[in-house]
Amino acid sequence: MGIERVDPLWSGVAELLGRGQCIEAIQLIRSAAPDLSLHGAVDYIQAVTDGQPAPDHVRSRLPQPPAERVVRWALSGPNPEPAA
């Protein structure tokens, strides 16, 4: 079991960029981080398109993605009986 961060902002921006909606991607970033400059939003978009982490000056202004617990079950093993 581990902790994995899933960034919904990153996913949303990547999806919008995939559909060619750059203006909407910038609006999404700016709504998530209102104090981020337009230049910072463009830097974030560049990081998404390059598959790189966002630069530090951008990341510090963005909300942290929620931590999700990832549980992996072995499907081939026996199912343990509860202790009585």
N, C-alpha and C. Protein backbone atom coordinates (compact mmCIF):
# COMPACT_ATOMS: atom_id res chain seq x y z
N MET A 1 0.85 -1.17 0.00
CA MET A 1 0.00 0.00 0.00
C MET A 1 0.90 1.23 0.00
N GLY A 2 0.51 2.24 -0.75
CA GLY A 2 1.31 3.44 -0.81
C GLY A 2 0.45 4.67 -1.00
N ILE A 3 1.09 5.81 -0.93
CA ILE A 3 0.42 7.09 -1.16
C ILE A 3 0.84 7.57 -2.54
N GLU A 4 -0.14 7.96 -3.32
CA GLU A 4 0.13 8.43 -4.68
C GLU A 4 -0.63 9.74 -4.87
N ARG A 5 0.02 10.72 -5.45
CA ARG A 5 -0.64 12.00 -5.70
C ARG A 5 -1.17 12.01 -7.12
N VAL A 6 -2.45 12.30 -7.24
CA VAL A 6 -3.09 12.42 -8.53
C VAL A 6 -3.49 13.88 -8.67
N ASP A 7 -2.97 14.54 -9.69
CA ASP A 7 -3.20 15.97 -9.85
C ASP A 7 -4.33 16.20 -10.85
N PRO A 8 -5.52 16.55 -10.34
CA PRO A 8 -6.64 16.78 -11.26
C PRO A 8 -6.42 17.99 -12.15
N LEU A 9 -5.68 18.99 -11.69
CA LEU A 9 -5.40 20.16 -12.52
C LEU A 9 -4.55 19.75 -13.72
N TRP A 10 -3.50 18.97 -13.47
CA TRP A 10 -2.62 18.50 -14.55
C TRP A 10 -3.43 17.71 -15.58
N SER A 11 -4.29 16.81 -15.08
CA SER A 11 -5.11 15.99 -15.98
C SER A 11 -6.06 16.85 -16.79
N GLY A 12 -6.70 17.81 -16.13
CA GLY A 12 -7.64 18.68 -16.83
C GLY A 12 -6.97 19.53 -17.89
N VAL A 13 -5.80 20.06 -17.57
CA VAL A 13 -5.05 20.88 -18.54
C VAL A 13 -4.62 20.01 -19.71
N ALA A 14 -4.11 18.82 -19.44
CA ALA A 14 -3.68 17.92 -20.52
C ALA A 14 -4.85 17.57 -21.43
N GLU A 15 -6.02 17.34 -20.85
CA GLU A 15 -7.20 17.01 -21.65
C GLU A 15 -7.61 18.18 -22.53
N LEU A 16 -7.63 19.38 -21.95
CA LEU A 16 -8.00 20.56 -22.74
C LEU A 16 -6.99 20.82 -23.86
N LEU A 17 -5.71 20.67 -23.55
CA LEU A 17 -4.70 20.88 -24.58
C LEU A 17 -4.81 19.84 -25.69
N GLY A 18 -5.17 18.62 -25.31
CA GLY A 18 -5.36 17.56 -26.30
C GLY A 18 -6.48 17.86 -27.27
N ARG A 19 -7.45 18.65 -26.82
CA ARG A 19 -8.55 19.05 -27.69
C ARG A 19 -8.30 20.40 -28.36
N GLY A 20 -7.11 20.96 -28.16
CA GLY A 20 -6.77 22.24 -28.78
C GLY A 20 -7.38 23.44 -28.08
N GLN A 21 -7.77 23.30 -26.84
CA GLN A 21 -8.42 24.39 -26.11
C GLN A 21 -7.43 25.06 -25.16
N CYS A 22 -6.48 25.78 -25.73
CA CYS A 22 -5.42 26.42 -24.95
C CYS A 22 -5.96 27.53 -24.04
N ILE A 23 -6.86 28.34 -24.56
CA ILE A 23 -7.43 29.44 -23.75
C ILE A 23 -8.16 28.88 -22.54
N GLU A 24 -8.92 27.82 -22.74
CA GLU A 24 -9.65 27.20 -21.63
C GLU A 24 -8.68 26.60 -20.62
N ALA A 25 -7.55 26.05 -21.10
CA ALA A 25 -6.53 25.50 -20.19
C ALA A 25 -5.94 26.61 -19.32
N ILE A 26 -5.66 27.77 -19.93
CA ILE A 26 -5.14 28.91 -19.16
C ILE A 26 -6.18 29.36 -18.14
N GLN A 27 -7.44 29.41 -18.54
CA GLN A 27 -8.50 29.82 -17.61
C GLN A 27 -8.62 28.83 -16.45
N LEU A 28 -8.48 27.55 -16.72
CA LEU A 28 -8.53 26.54 -15.67
C LEU A 28 -7.39 26.74 -14.67
N ILE A 29 -6.20 26.98 -15.18
CA ILE A 29 -5.04 27.19 -14.30
C ILE A 29 -5.23 28.45 -13.47
N ARG A 30 -5.66 29.53 -14.11
CA ARG A 30 -5.83 30.80 -13.40
C ARG A 30 -6.96 30.72 -12.37
N SER A 31 -7.98 29.90 -12.62
CA SER A 31 -9.05 29.75 -11.62
C SER A 31 -8.57 28.93 -10.43
N ALA A 32 -7.67 27.99 -10.66
CA ALA A 32 -7.13 27.18 -9.56
C ALA A 32 -6.12 27.96 -8.73
N ALA A 33 -5.43 28.90 -9.35
CA ALA A 33 -4.42 29.71 -8.67
C ALA A 33 -4.56 31.16 -9.13
N PRO A 34 -5.51 31.90 -8.53
CA PRO A 34 -5.79 33.26 -8.99
C PRO A 34 -4.59 34.21 -8.91
N ASP A 35 -3.65 33.96 -8.00
CA ASP A 35 -2.49 34.85 -7.89
C ASP A 35 -1.36 34.48 -8.86
N LEU A 36 -1.56 33.46 -9.67
CA LEU A 36 -0.56 33.06 -10.66
C LEU A 36 -0.66 33.98 -11.87
N SER A 37 0.47 34.46 -12.33
CA SER A 37 0.48 35.36 -13.49
C SER A 37 0.19 34.59 -14.78
N LEU A 38 -0.10 35.32 -15.82
CA LEU A 38 -0.31 34.71 -17.13
C LEU A 38 0.95 33.97 -17.57
N HIS A 39 2.11 34.58 -17.31
CA HIS A 39 3.38 33.94 -17.65
C HIS A 39 3.53 32.61 -16.89
N GLY A 40 3.13 32.58 -15.62
CA GLY A 40 3.18 31.36 -14.84
C GLY A 40 2.26 30.29 -15.40
N ALA A 41 1.08 30.70 -15.86
CA ALA A 41 0.14 29.75 -16.46
C ALA A 41 0.72 29.17 -17.74
N VAL A 42 1.38 30.00 -18.53
CA VAL A 42 2.01 29.52 -19.77
C VAL A 42 3.16 28.57 -19.43
N ASP A 43 3.92 28.87 -18.38
CA ASP A 43 4.99 27.96 -17.95
C ASP A 43 4.41 26.61 -17.53
N TYR A 44 3.26 26.61 -16.87
CA TYR A 44 2.61 25.37 -16.46
C TYR A 44 2.18 24.58 -17.69
N ILE A 45 1.59 25.25 -18.66
CA ILE A 45 1.18 24.59 -19.90
C ILE A 45 2.38 23.98 -20.60
N GLN A 46 3.49 24.71 -20.64
CA GLN A 46 4.70 24.19 -21.28
C GLN A 46 5.18 22.93 -20.56
N ALA A 47 5.11 22.94 -19.23
CA ALA A 47 5.53 21.76 -18.46
C ALA A 47 4.62 20.56 -18.77
N VAL A 48 3.32 20.80 -18.87
CA VAL A 48 2.38 19.72 -19.18
C VAL A 48 2.67 19.15 -20.56
N THR A 49 2.88 20.02 -21.55
CA THR A 49 3.13 19.53 -22.91
C THR A 49 4.46 18.80 -23.01
N ASP A 50 5.44 19.19 -22.17
CA ASP A 50 6.74 18.52 -22.18
C ASP A 50 6.76 17.28 -21.29
N GLY A 51 5.70 17.08 -20.50
CA GLY A 51 5.66 15.95 -19.57
C GLY A 51 6.61 16.12 -18.40
N GLN A 52 6.90 17.36 -18.05
CA GLN A 52 7.82 17.67 -16.96
C GLN A 52 7.05 18.22 -15.76
N PRO A 53 7.65 18.19 -14.58
CA PRO A 53 7.00 18.83 -13.42
C PRO A 53 6.92 20.34 -13.63
N ALA A 54 5.95 20.96 -13.01
CA ALA A 54 5.82 22.41 -13.11
C ALA A 54 7.02 23.07 -12.44
N PRO A 55 7.47 24.21 -12.96
CA PRO A 55 8.59 24.92 -12.32
C PRO A 55 8.23 25.31 -10.89
N ASP A 56 9.25 25.47 -10.05
CA ASP A 56 9.03 25.78 -8.63
C ASP A 56 8.22 27.05 -8.43
N HIS A 57 8.50 28.10 -9.23
CA HIS A 57 7.79 29.36 -9.03
C HIS A 57 6.30 29.23 -9.36
N VAL A 58 5.93 28.23 -10.15
CA VAL A 58 4.53 27.97 -10.47
C VAL A 58 3.93 27.02 -9.44
N ARG A 59 4.65 25.96 -9.13
CA ARG A 59 4.16 24.93 -8.21
C ARG A 59 3.84 25.50 -6.83
N SER A 60 4.62 26.49 -6.39
CA SER A 60 4.40 27.06 -5.06
C SER A 60 3.07 27.81 -4.96
N ARG A 61 2.50 28.21 -6.08
CA ARG A 61 1.23 28.95 -6.08
C ARG A 61 0.02 28.05 -6.37
N LEU A 62 0.26 26.82 -6.73
CA LEU A 62 -0.84 25.91 -7.08
C LEU A 62 -1.31 25.14 -5.86
N PRO A 63 -2.60 24.77 -5.83
CA PRO A 63 -3.08 23.92 -4.74
C PRO A 63 -2.45 22.54 -4.84
N GLN A 64 -2.20 21.93 -3.69
CA GLN A 64 -1.62 20.59 -3.68
C GLN A 64 -2.67 19.57 -4.07
N PRO A 65 -2.30 18.61 -4.92
CA PRO A 65 -3.27 17.57 -5.28
C PRO A 65 -3.57 16.70 -4.06
N PRO A 66 -4.75 16.13 -4.01
CA PRO A 66 -5.10 15.29 -2.86
C PRO A 66 -4.28 14.01 -2.86
N ALA A 67 -3.96 13.55 -1.67
CA ALA A 67 -3.27 12.26 -1.53
C ALA A 67 -4.31 11.17 -1.56
N GLU A 68 -4.07 10.15 -2.34
CA GLU A 68 -4.99 9.02 -2.42
C GLU A 68 -4.25 7.76 -2.04
N ARG A 69 -4.90 6.94 -1.30
CA ARG A 69 -4.30 5.65 -0.96
C ARG A 69 -4.56 4.68 -2.09
N VAL A 70 -3.50 4.04 -2.51
CA VAL A 70 -3.61 3.05 -3.58
C VAL A 70 -3.45 1.68 -2.95
N VAL A 71 -4.45 0.85 -3.13
CA VAL A 71 -4.43 -0.50 -2.57
C VAL A 71 -4.41 -1.48 -3.73
N ARG A 72 -3.45 -2.39 -3.70
CA ARG A 72 -3.36 -3.40 -4.75
C ARG A 72 -3.63 -4.76 -4.12
N TRP A 73 -4.58 -5.48 -4.68
CA TRP A 73 -4.94 -6.80 -4.20
C TRP A 73 -4.40 -7.85 -5.16
N ALA A 74 -3.88 -8.92 -4.59
CA ALA A 74 -3.43 -10.04 -5.41
C ALA A 74 -4.65 -10.89 -5.74
N LEU A 75 -4.98 -10.98 -6.99
CA LEU A 75 -6.18 -11.70 -7.39
C LEU A 75 -5.96 -13.21 -7.46
N SER A 76 -4.72 -13.63 -7.55
CA SER A 76 -4.48 -15.06 -7.71
C SER A 76 -4.34 -15.81 -6.39
N GLY A 77 -4.15 -15.09 -5.28
CA GLY A 77 -3.94 -15.75 -4.00
C GLY A 77 -5.25 -16.11 -3.31
N PRO A 78 -5.15 -16.92 -2.25
CA PRO A 78 -6.36 -17.31 -1.51
C PRO A 78 -6.92 -16.12 -0.75
N ASN A 79 -8.21 -16.16 -0.51
CA ASN A 79 -8.89 -15.13 0.24
C ASN A 79 -8.84 -15.52 1.71
N PRO A 80 -8.16 -14.76 2.57
CA PRO A 80 -8.04 -15.17 3.98
C PRO A 80 -9.39 -15.12 4.69
N GLU A 81 -9.61 -16.12 5.54
CA GLU A 81 -10.84 -16.19 6.32
C GLU A 81 -10.68 -15.28 7.54
N PRO A 82 -11.75 -14.57 7.92
CA PRO A 82 -11.66 -13.72 9.11
C PRO A 82 -11.47 -14.57 10.36
N ALA A 83 -10.68 -14.07 11.30
CA ALA A 83 -10.44 -14.78 12.56
C ALA A 83 -11.70 -14.73 13.41
N ALA A 84 -12.04 -15.85 14.03
CA ALA A 84 -13.26 -15.92 14.84
C ALA A 84 -12.98 -15.62 16.28
